[in-house]
N, C-alpha and C. Protein backbone atom coordinates (compact mmCIF):
# COMPACT_ATOMS: atom_id res chain seq x y z
N MET A 1 134.68 52.22 84.33
CA MET A 1 135.45 52.55 85.34
C MET A 1 136.15 53.86 84.38
N THR A 2 136.01 54.80 84.98
CA THR A 2 137.24 55.91 83.90
C THR A 2 138.46 55.60 84.60
N VAL A 3 139.40 55.45 83.64
CA VAL A 3 140.80 56.04 83.94
C VAL A 3 141.03 57.50 84.46
N HIS A 4 142.14 58.30 85.26
CA HIS A 4 142.26 59.32 86.84
C HIS A 4 143.11 59.75 85.47
N ARG A 5 142.81 61.00 84.79
CA ARG A 5 143.74 62.12 83.53
C ARG A 5 143.05 63.09 83.92
N LEU A 6 143.98 63.92 84.82
CA LEU A 6 144.06 65.74 84.39
C LEU A 6 144.15 65.70 83.28
N THR A 7 145.18 65.93 83.11
CA THR A 7 146.31 66.28 81.65
C THR A 7 145.39 65.78 80.42
N PRO A 8 145.61 66.48 79.69
CA PRO A 8 144.58 65.84 78.29
C PRO A 8 145.76 65.27 77.49
N LEU A 9 145.02 64.21 76.71
CA LEU A 9 145.65 63.04 76.55
C LEU A 9 145.92 63.42 74.72
N PRO A 10 146.97 63.91 74.61
CA PRO A 10 147.04 64.09 72.71
C PRO A 10 146.02 63.33 71.89
N THR A 11 145.84 63.13 70.79
CA THR A 11 145.64 62.30 69.82
C THR A 11 146.47 61.97 68.54
N ARG A 12 147.14 61.69 67.74
CA ARG A 12 147.43 61.99 67.01
C ARG A 12 147.59 60.36 65.83
N THR A 13 147.94 60.50 64.67
CA THR A 13 148.37 58.96 63.81
C THR A 13 149.37 59.31 64.31
N SER A 14 149.77 57.52 63.83
CA SER A 14 150.86 56.32 63.93
C SER A 14 151.62 57.23 63.84
N ARG A 15 153.46 57.26 63.88
CA ARG A 15 154.45 57.18 63.36
C ARG A 15 154.96 55.97 62.88
N GLY A 16 155.08 55.47 62.08
CA GLY A 16 154.64 53.43 61.54
C GLY A 16 154.00 52.58 62.40
N ARG A 17 154.53 51.22 62.25
CA ARG A 17 153.08 50.57 62.36
C ARG A 17 153.90 50.12 63.45
N LEU A 18 152.69 48.99 64.44
CA LEU A 18 153.25 48.06 65.44
C LEU A 18 152.99 46.43 64.20
N ILE A 19 153.45 45.57 63.89
CA ILE A 19 153.53 44.14 63.39
C ILE A 19 153.31 43.64 64.49
N VAL A 20 152.33 42.68 64.62
CA VAL A 20 152.61 41.84 65.91
C VAL A 20 152.03 40.56 64.38
N ALA A 21 153.34 39.43 65.46
CA ALA A 21 153.46 37.98 65.09
C ALA A 21 152.20 37.23 65.72
N GLU A 22 151.11 36.91 65.20
CA GLU A 22 149.86 35.71 65.87
C GLU A 22 150.06 35.16 66.92
N GLN A 23 151.17 34.19 67.16
CA GLN A 23 151.80 33.55 68.32
C GLN A 23 152.15 34.52 69.38
N VAL A 24 151.79 35.86 69.40
CA VAL A 24 152.21 36.55 70.64
C VAL A 24 151.22 36.66 71.35
N LEU A 25 150.09 36.22 70.54
CA LEU A 25 148.76 37.16 71.41
C LEU A 25 148.24 36.08 72.14
N ALA A 26 148.70 34.99 71.71
CA ALA A 26 147.42 33.55 72.99
C ALA A 26 148.58 33.92 74.60
N PRO A 27 149.57 34.26 74.12
CA PRO A 27 150.26 34.27 75.62
C PRO A 27 150.22 35.47 76.25
N THR A 28 149.78 36.28 75.20
CA THR A 28 149.69 37.92 76.02
C THR A 28 148.35 37.84 76.88
N LEU A 29 147.33 37.57 76.37
CA LEU A 29 145.89 37.43 76.67
C LEU A 29 145.56 36.93 77.57
N ALA A 30 146.33 35.48 77.71
CA ALA A 30 146.31 34.87 78.90
C ALA A 30 147.30 35.05 80.21
N GLU A 31 148.95 36.52 80.21
CA GLU A 31 148.52 36.80 81.27
C GLU A 31 148.19 38.00 81.50
N LEU A 32 147.66 38.85 80.52
CA LEU A 32 146.08 39.70 81.56
C LEU A 32 145.82 39.18 81.82
N ARG A 33 144.88 38.10 80.97
CA ARG A 33 143.89 37.76 81.75
C ARG A 33 143.63 36.37 83.00
N ARG A 34 145.03 36.28 83.32
CA ARG A 34 145.03 35.92 84.60
C ARG A 34 144.91 35.89 85.85
N PRO A 35 144.09 36.08 86.71
CA PRO A 35 144.02 35.64 88.62
C PRO A 35 145.19 35.66 89.32
N HIS A 36 145.09 36.46 90.06
CA HIS A 36 145.79 36.58 91.61
C HIS A 36 144.63 36.08 92.98
N GLY A 37 144.63 35.22 93.29
CA GLY A 37 143.71 35.07 94.44
C GLY A 37 142.84 34.71 94.17
N GLY A 38 142.26 34.33 93.28
CA GLY A 38 140.62 34.86 92.69
C GLY A 38 140.08 36.14 92.46
N GLN A 39 140.88 36.70 92.67
CA GLN A 39 140.64 38.09 92.14
C GLN A 39 141.09 38.85 90.49
N ARG A 40 140.46 39.86 90.26
CA ARG A 40 141.03 40.22 88.53
C ARG A 40 142.14 41.24 88.68
N HIS A 41 143.28 40.98 88.02
CA HIS A 41 144.19 42.36 88.17
C HIS A 41 144.40 42.98 87.30
N GLU A 42 144.89 43.97 87.77
CA GLU A 42 145.72 44.98 86.13
C GLU A 42 147.03 43.62 85.86
N ARG A 43 147.22 43.92 85.03
CA ARG A 43 148.87 42.95 84.22
C ARG A 43 149.44 43.63 83.08
N LEU A 44 150.75 43.24 83.42
CA LEU A 44 151.68 43.50 82.41
C LEU A 44 152.73 42.69 81.49
N VAL A 45 152.87 42.86 80.15
CA VAL A 45 153.55 42.41 79.13
C VAL A 45 153.87 42.90 78.39
N LEU A 46 155.54 42.53 78.17
CA LEU A 46 156.56 43.22 77.62
C LEU A 46 156.79 43.01 76.15
N TRP A 47 156.49 43.14 74.88
CA TRP A 47 156.35 42.65 73.89
C TRP A 47 158.49 42.90 72.86
N ALA A 48 158.26 42.34 72.39
CA ALA A 48 160.02 42.47 71.93
C ALA A 48 159.97 41.61 70.33
N GLY A 49 161.04 41.96 69.90
CA GLY A 49 160.76 42.69 68.92
C GLY A 49 162.74 43.19 68.21
N ARG A 50 162.11 43.26 67.02
CA ARG A 50 163.11 44.58 66.22
C ARG A 50 162.16 45.69 65.27
N THR A 51 163.23 46.84 65.55
CA THR A 51 162.39 47.94 65.08
C THR A 51 163.46 48.14 63.71
N VAL A 52 162.84 47.96 62.52
CA VAL A 52 163.18 48.20 61.36
C VAL A 52 162.48 49.71 60.19
N GLU A 53 163.62 50.62 60.70
CA GLU A 53 163.20 52.15 60.01
C GLU A 53 161.94 52.56 61.11
N THR A 54 160.79 52.71 60.44
CA THR A 54 159.54 53.55 61.45
C THR A 54 158.74 51.97 61.53
N THR A 55 158.79 50.92 61.30
CA THR A 55 158.28 49.03 61.64
C THR A 55 158.87 48.96 62.74
N SER A 56 157.83 48.48 64.08
CA SER A 56 158.08 47.97 64.67
C SER A 56 157.56 46.35 64.64
N ILE A 57 158.60 45.39 64.75
CA ILE A 57 157.75 43.64 65.04
C ILE A 57 157.74 43.14 65.57
N VAL A 58 157.18 42.64 66.39
CA VAL A 58 156.56 41.61 67.63
C VAL A 58 156.52 40.09 66.91
N THR A 59 158.19 39.56 68.00
CA THR A 59 158.18 38.11 67.71
C THR A 59 157.55 37.23 69.02
N SER A 60 158.28 38.19 69.93
CA SER A 60 158.10 37.08 70.83
C SER A 60 157.38 38.01 72.15
N SER A 61 157.02 36.83 73.27
CA SER A 61 155.92 37.96 74.78
C SER A 61 156.88 38.14 75.69
N ILE A 62 157.38 38.90 76.70
CA ILE A 62 157.76 38.72 77.78
C ILE A 62 157.07 39.28 79.00
N THR A 63 156.81 38.07 80.39
CA THR A 63 156.16 38.48 81.49
C THR A 63 156.74 38.84 82.73
N PRO A 64 156.83 39.83 82.97
CA PRO A 64 158.05 40.89 84.06
C PRO A 64 157.40 40.05 85.25
N HIS A 65 158.61 40.68 85.86
CA HIS A 65 157.43 40.67 87.48
C HIS A 65 157.54 41.99 87.84
N THR A 66 155.76 41.44 88.21
CA THR A 66 155.10 43.57 88.49
C THR A 66 154.52 42.98 89.73
N ASP A 67 154.90 44.37 90.33
CA ASP A 67 153.26 44.40 91.61
C ASP A 67 152.04 44.83 91.09
N HIS A 68 151.31 44.53 91.46
CA HIS A 68 150.22 44.44 90.87
C HIS A 68 148.94 44.17 91.22
N GLY A 69 147.86 44.63 91.42
CA GLY A 69 146.24 44.27 92.06
C GLY A 69 145.32 44.91 91.31
N PRO A 70 143.82 44.62 91.25
CA PRO A 70 142.79 45.19 90.77
C PRO A 70 142.56 46.96 89.97
N GLN A 71 143.55 47.56 90.54
CA GLN A 71 143.80 48.79 90.16
C GLN A 71 144.89 49.40 89.85
N HIS A 72 145.71 48.24 89.67
CA HIS A 72 147.46 48.92 89.17
C HIS A 72 148.20 47.88 89.20
N VAL A 73 149.11 48.10 88.08
CA VAL A 73 150.00 47.20 87.76
C VAL A 73 151.37 48.57 87.78
N LEU A 74 152.41 48.07 88.36
CA LEU A 74 153.99 48.37 87.94
C LEU A 74 154.96 48.11 87.94
N LEU A 75 155.65 48.25 86.76
CA LEU A 75 156.96 47.53 86.90
C LEU A 75 158.18 48.46 87.72
N ASP A 76 159.16 47.72 88.18
CA ASP A 76 160.06 48.26 88.59
C ASP A 76 161.51 48.35 87.72
N GLU A 77 162.83 49.02 88.08
CA GLU A 77 163.86 49.27 87.61
C GLU A 77 164.55 47.80 86.52
N ALA A 78 164.03 46.89 88.17
CA ALA A 78 165.54 45.62 88.51
C ALA A 78 164.47 45.11 87.16
N ALA A 79 163.09 44.61 87.21
CA ALA A 79 162.35 44.01 86.63
C ALA A 79 162.60 44.33 84.63
N VAL A 80 162.96 45.41 84.49
CA VAL A 80 163.04 46.14 82.77
C VAL A 80 164.05 45.49 82.73
N ASN A 81 165.25 45.50 83.87
CA ASN A 81 166.76 45.45 82.90
C ASN A 81 166.16 44.01 82.95
N ASP A 82 165.91 42.75 84.02
CA ASP A 82 165.45 41.65 82.96
C ASP A 82 164.93 40.98 82.73
N ALA A 83 163.91 41.73 81.72
CA ALA A 83 162.35 41.98 80.66
C ALA A 83 164.13 41.52 79.66
N ALA A 84 164.87 43.05 79.36
CA ALA A 84 165.31 43.44 78.55
C ALA A 84 166.96 42.59 78.21
N ARG A 85 166.79 41.50 79.49
CA ARG A 85 168.48 40.87 78.93
C ARG A 85 167.93 39.66 78.29
N LEU A 86 166.73 39.27 78.64
CA LEU A 86 166.01 38.26 77.86
C LEU A 86 166.52 38.82 76.59
N ALA A 87 165.56 39.57 76.45
CA ALA A 87 165.25 39.93 74.51
C ALA A 87 166.60 39.81 73.97
N ARG A 88 167.25 40.48 75.18
CA ARG A 88 168.89 41.11 73.78
C ARG A 88 169.39 39.05 74.11
N ALA A 89 169.16 38.28 74.98
CA ALA A 89 170.07 36.86 74.13
C ALA A 89 169.09 35.81 73.31
N ALA A 90 168.31 36.42 72.76
CA ALA A 90 167.37 36.65 71.72
C ALA A 90 167.43 37.60 70.63
N ALA A 91 168.59 38.16 70.44
CA ALA A 91 168.58 39.06 69.09
C ALA A 91 167.65 39.92 69.42
N LEU A 92 166.97 40.31 70.67
CA LEU A 92 165.74 41.25 70.39
C LEU A 92 165.41 42.19 71.26
N GLY A 93 164.89 43.75 71.02
CA GLY A 93 164.83 44.79 72.60
C GLY A 93 163.45 44.91 72.77
N ILE A 94 162.75 45.58 73.85
CA ILE A 94 161.64 45.16 74.27
C ILE A 94 161.41 46.94 73.14
N ILE A 95 159.85 46.40 72.45
CA ILE A 95 159.94 47.57 71.69
C ILE A 95 158.08 48.33 71.87
N ALA A 96 157.45 47.36 73.60
CA ALA A 96 156.33 47.76 73.05
C ALA A 96 155.84 47.34 74.62
N GLN A 97 154.68 48.16 75.73
CA GLN A 97 154.07 47.11 76.31
C GLN A 97 152.96 47.36 75.89
N VAL A 98 152.68 46.22 76.43
CA VAL A 98 150.98 45.99 76.63
C VAL A 98 150.16 45.72 78.19
N HIS A 99 149.28 46.48 79.11
CA HIS A 99 148.94 46.24 79.99
C HIS A 99 146.66 46.42 80.10
N SER A 100 146.64 45.67 81.11
CA SER A 100 144.92 45.77 80.64
C SER A 100 145.01 46.59 81.97
N HIS A 101 143.62 47.19 82.32
CA HIS A 101 142.87 48.10 82.69
C HIS A 101 141.82 47.23 83.33
N PRO A 102 141.02 48.05 84.75
CA PRO A 102 139.90 47.09 84.63
C PRO A 102 138.58 47.44 84.30
N GLY A 103 138.27 48.74 83.65
CA GLY A 103 137.24 48.81 83.27
C GLY A 103 136.92 49.03 81.48
N ALA A 104 136.09 50.12 80.80
CA ALA A 104 136.19 49.93 79.17
C ALA A 104 136.56 51.40 78.75
N ASP A 105 137.41 51.80 79.46
CA ASP A 105 138.43 52.94 79.39
C ASP A 105 139.62 52.72 78.98
N THR A 106 140.02 52.41 77.62
CA THR A 106 141.44 52.27 77.62
C THR A 106 142.99 53.13 76.88
N ARG A 107 142.34 54.87 77.21
CA ARG A 107 142.98 55.36 76.88
C ARG A 107 143.84 55.18 78.51
N HIS A 108 145.76 56.12 78.38
CA HIS A 108 146.14 55.82 79.49
C HIS A 108 146.15 56.68 80.54
N SER A 109 146.21 56.40 81.83
CA SER A 109 145.78 57.30 82.99
C SER A 109 147.51 58.19 83.18
N ASP A 110 146.89 59.36 83.58
CA ASP A 110 148.25 59.94 84.13
C ASP A 110 149.30 58.96 84.81
N GLY A 111 148.98 58.17 85.68
CA GLY A 111 150.03 56.73 85.59
C GLY A 111 150.66 56.22 84.72
N ASP A 112 149.95 55.93 83.76
CA ASP A 112 150.35 55.45 82.67
C ASP A 112 152.10 56.05 81.43
N ASP A 113 151.24 57.72 81.75
CA ASP A 113 152.01 58.45 80.83
C ASP A 113 153.21 58.28 81.54
N ARG A 114 153.31 58.04 82.97
CA ARG A 114 154.43 58.67 83.82
C ARG A 114 155.17 57.40 84.19
N LEU A 115 154.75 56.11 84.57
CA LEU A 115 154.77 54.80 84.98
C LEU A 115 155.67 53.86 84.22
N VAL A 116 156.23 54.23 82.60
CA VAL A 116 156.12 54.31 81.84
C VAL A 116 157.79 53.04 81.70
N LEU A 117 158.71 52.69 81.90
CA LEU A 117 160.14 52.78 82.47
C LEU A 117 160.92 53.28 81.23
N MET A 118 161.54 53.66 80.83
CA MET A 118 162.27 53.73 80.09
C MET A 118 161.85 53.87 78.05
N PRO A 119 160.69 54.99 78.15
CA PRO A 119 160.11 55.28 77.22
C PRO A 119 161.18 55.71 75.95
N PHE A 120 160.87 55.05 74.25
CA PHE A 120 162.14 56.08 73.31
C PHE A 120 161.00 56.47 72.30
N GLU A 121 161.81 57.45 71.82
CA GLU A 121 160.75 57.36 70.83
C GLU A 121 160.38 57.05 69.77
N SER A 122 159.26 56.35 68.97
CA SER A 122 157.85 56.18 69.14
C SER A 122 158.02 54.44 69.46
N MET A 123 157.54 54.32 70.27
CA MET A 123 157.78 52.98 70.84
C MET A 123 155.70 53.09 71.17
N PHE A 124 155.31 51.71 70.89
CA PHE A 124 153.84 51.51 71.46
C PHE A 124 153.70 50.89 72.98
N SER A 125 152.46 51.22 72.95
CA SER A 125 151.91 50.85 74.47
C SER A 125 150.28 50.96 74.08
N LEU A 126 150.12 49.31 73.97
CA LEU A 126 148.54 48.90 73.75
C LEU A 126 147.75 48.80 75.29
N VAL A 127 146.91 49.40 75.47
CA VAL A 127 145.55 48.76 76.36
C VAL A 127 144.43 47.89 76.51
N VAL A 128 144.45 47.19 76.80
CA VAL A 128 143.35 46.30 77.00
C VAL A 128 142.70 46.31 77.65
N ALA A 129 141.68 46.59 77.75
CA ALA A 129 140.09 47.35 79.04
C ALA A 129 139.94 45.03 78.97
N ASP A 130 139.14 45.24 80.27
CA ASP A 130 138.56 44.29 81.32
C ASP A 130 139.12 43.85 81.89
N TYR A 131 140.37 44.01 81.82
CA TYR A 131 141.70 42.96 82.56
C TYR A 131 141.90 41.86 81.79
N GLY A 132 141.80 42.45 80.45
CA GLY A 132 142.33 41.29 79.29
C GLY A 132 141.39 40.86 78.22
N HIS A 133 140.45 41.14 79.03
CA HIS A 133 138.89 39.77 77.81
C HIS A 133 138.54 41.65 77.32
N GLY A 134 139.00 42.29 77.03
CA GLY A 134 138.63 43.11 76.05
C GLY A 134 139.21 43.15 74.47
N GLU A 135 138.95 43.42 73.85
CA GLU A 135 139.20 43.82 72.52
C GLU A 135 140.91 43.80 72.47
N ILE A 136 141.68 43.32 71.60
CA ILE A 136 143.48 44.10 71.19
C ILE A 136 143.03 44.46 70.13
N ASP A 137 142.12 44.49 69.71
CA ASP A 137 142.41 44.83 67.82
C ASP A 137 141.80 46.95 68.43
N PRO A 138 142.84 47.56 68.04
CA PRO A 138 142.51 49.60 67.97
C PRO A 138 140.74 50.06 67.74
N GLY A 139 140.54 49.02 66.52
CA GLY A 139 139.62 49.39 65.72
C GLY A 139 138.45 49.03 67.02
N ARG A 140 138.52 48.73 67.87
CA ARG A 140 137.13 47.27 68.11
C ARG A 140 137.06 47.19 69.82
N GLY A 141 138.29 48.33 70.20
CA GLY A 141 138.27 48.87 71.96
C GLY A 141 139.69 48.93 72.24
N ALA A 142 141.00 48.33 71.50
CA ALA A 142 142.09 48.70 72.70
C ALA A 142 142.54 49.99 72.23
N GLY A 143 142.87 50.18 73.28
CA GLY A 143 143.76 52.23 73.06
C GLY A 143 145.47 51.67 72.69
N LEU A 144 145.69 51.84 71.45
CA LEU A 144 146.73 52.15 71.15
C LEU A 144 147.67 53.68 71.82
N HIS A 145 148.49 53.44 71.23
CA HIS A 145 149.30 55.07 71.87
C HIS A 145 151.37 54.97 71.31
N GLN A 146 151.34 55.68 71.65
CA GLN A 146 152.91 55.77 70.88
C GLN A 146 153.70 57.18 71.62
N PHE A 147 155.09 57.09 71.68
CA PHE A 147 155.97 57.65 72.41
C PHE A 147 156.28 58.17 71.22
N GLN A 148 155.51 59.87 71.12
CA GLN A 148 155.85 61.19 69.88
C GLN A 148 156.08 62.35 70.66
N GLN A 149 157.30 62.82 70.41
CA GLN A 149 157.74 64.35 70.65
C GLN A 149 158.14 64.41 72.26
N GLY A 150 158.29 63.27 72.89
CA GLY A 150 158.82 63.27 74.16
C GLY A 150 157.80 62.79 75.03
N ARG A 151 156.95 62.51 74.43
CA ARG A 151 154.91 62.69 75.07
C ARG A 151 154.30 61.67 74.62
N TRP A 152 153.29 60.56 75.61
CA TRP A 152 152.14 59.43 75.09
C TRP A 152 151.25 60.13 74.18
N VAL A 153 150.66 59.88 73.60
CA VAL A 153 149.53 59.90 72.08
C VAL A 153 149.13 59.16 72.21
N GLN A 154 147.46 59.09 71.76
CA GLN A 154 146.33 57.97 71.62
C GLN A 154 146.81 58.27 70.02
N ILE A 155 146.98 57.12 69.47
CA ILE A 155 146.82 56.70 67.86
C ILE A 155 145.43 56.38 67.42
N THR A 156 144.82 57.57 66.59
CA THR A 156 143.51 57.36 66.07
C THR A 156 143.59 56.77 64.97
N ASN A 157 144.29 56.24 63.96
CA ASN A 157 144.56 55.13 62.97
C ASN A 157 145.06 53.55 63.56
N PRO A 158 143.45 52.94 63.19
CA PRO A 158 143.39 51.53 64.30
C PRO A 158 144.15 50.84 63.03
N ASP A 159 144.73 51.22 62.02
CA ASP A 159 145.60 49.97 61.20
C ASP A 159 146.92 50.50 61.63
N ALA A 160 147.09 51.45 62.80
CA ALA A 160 148.73 51.24 63.07
C ALA A 160 148.97 49.46 63.73
N LEU A 161 148.53 48.98 64.12
CA LEU A 161 148.78 47.24 64.99
C LEU A 161 148.12 46.64 63.22
N VAL A 162 149.21 45.43 62.89
CA VAL A 162 148.80 44.35 61.88
C VAL A 162 148.93 43.22 62.24
N VAL A 163 147.91 42.56 62.71
CA VAL A 163 148.47 41.11 62.91
C VAL A 163 148.29 40.44 61.91
N VAL A 164 149.78 40.01 62.14
CA VAL A 164 150.04 39.05 60.74
C VAL A 164 150.41 37.99 61.40
N PRO A 165 149.15 36.72 60.68
CA PRO A 165 148.82 35.24 60.65
C PRO A 165 150.26 34.12 60.91
N ALA A 166 150.13 33.82 61.75
CA ALA A 166 151.09 32.58 61.33
C ALA A 166 151.37 31.59 60.70
N ARG A 167 150.36 31.59 60.08
CA ARG A 167 150.79 31.00 58.96
C ARG A 167 149.31 31.10 57.94
N LEU A 168 150.54 31.81 56.25
CA LEU A 168 149.64 32.21 55.32
C LEU A 168 150.01 31.35 54.30
N ILE A 169 148.81 30.91 53.91
CA ILE A 169 148.84 30.03 52.75
C ILE A 169 148.23 30.77 51.62
N ALA A 170 149.32 30.40 50.43
CA ALA A 170 149.24 31.08 49.18
C ALA A 170 148.63 30.14 48.65
N GLN A 171 147.43 30.65 47.68
CA GLN A 171 146.16 29.67 46.80
C GLN A 171 146.99 29.28 45.76
N GLU A 172 146.53 28.59 44.68
CA GLU A 172 147.47 27.55 43.42
C GLU A 172 146.72 28.59 42.72
N SER A 173 148.11 28.48 41.65
CA SER A 173 147.09 29.34 40.36
C SER A 173 146.71 28.29 39.64
N ARG A 174 145.95 28.45 38.63
CA ARG A 174 145.84 27.65 37.62
C ARG A 174 145.89 28.25 36.43
N HIS A 175 146.86 28.04 36.01
CA HIS A 175 147.37 28.04 34.36
C HIS A 175 146.56 27.36 33.55
N GLU A 176 146.43 27.47 32.17
CA GLU A 176 145.67 26.75 31.15
C GLU A 176 146.27 27.06 30.05
């Protein structure tokens, strides 16, 4: 399935990076894959964290109330406000959104461009194919987008999204 897109979708390299804590991925993917009434639906998750200079660091996911179906997911202003309140209570902000598409096309649709509430300069938007069963890595099929100069662009450098493992293991150094 191809997204509905009448306007050109510009492509650019990212401004900065989106660094995601590994522990955020499992709840994000579980929500994107969650069926409703036995049917697969498009879903949306907001990522909360902090932005430091040009680096957005995601530490938590928020599942807002949405209107969703097999071909749409919509988020209203009240749901965004509720999510922002939750993020602020944890000293975080909403810094990215993740949503699923029904097919393999992970470009923003025209509707995706228009319906992101309160986009801000350098905000990221990640699209995962096949109702969340596709790859979350932009180098392997996910669509990473960023709000640049007042419009959404598709990001061409897959290294713009970095997943940080929950546990880093240092190798023992051997001194002789």
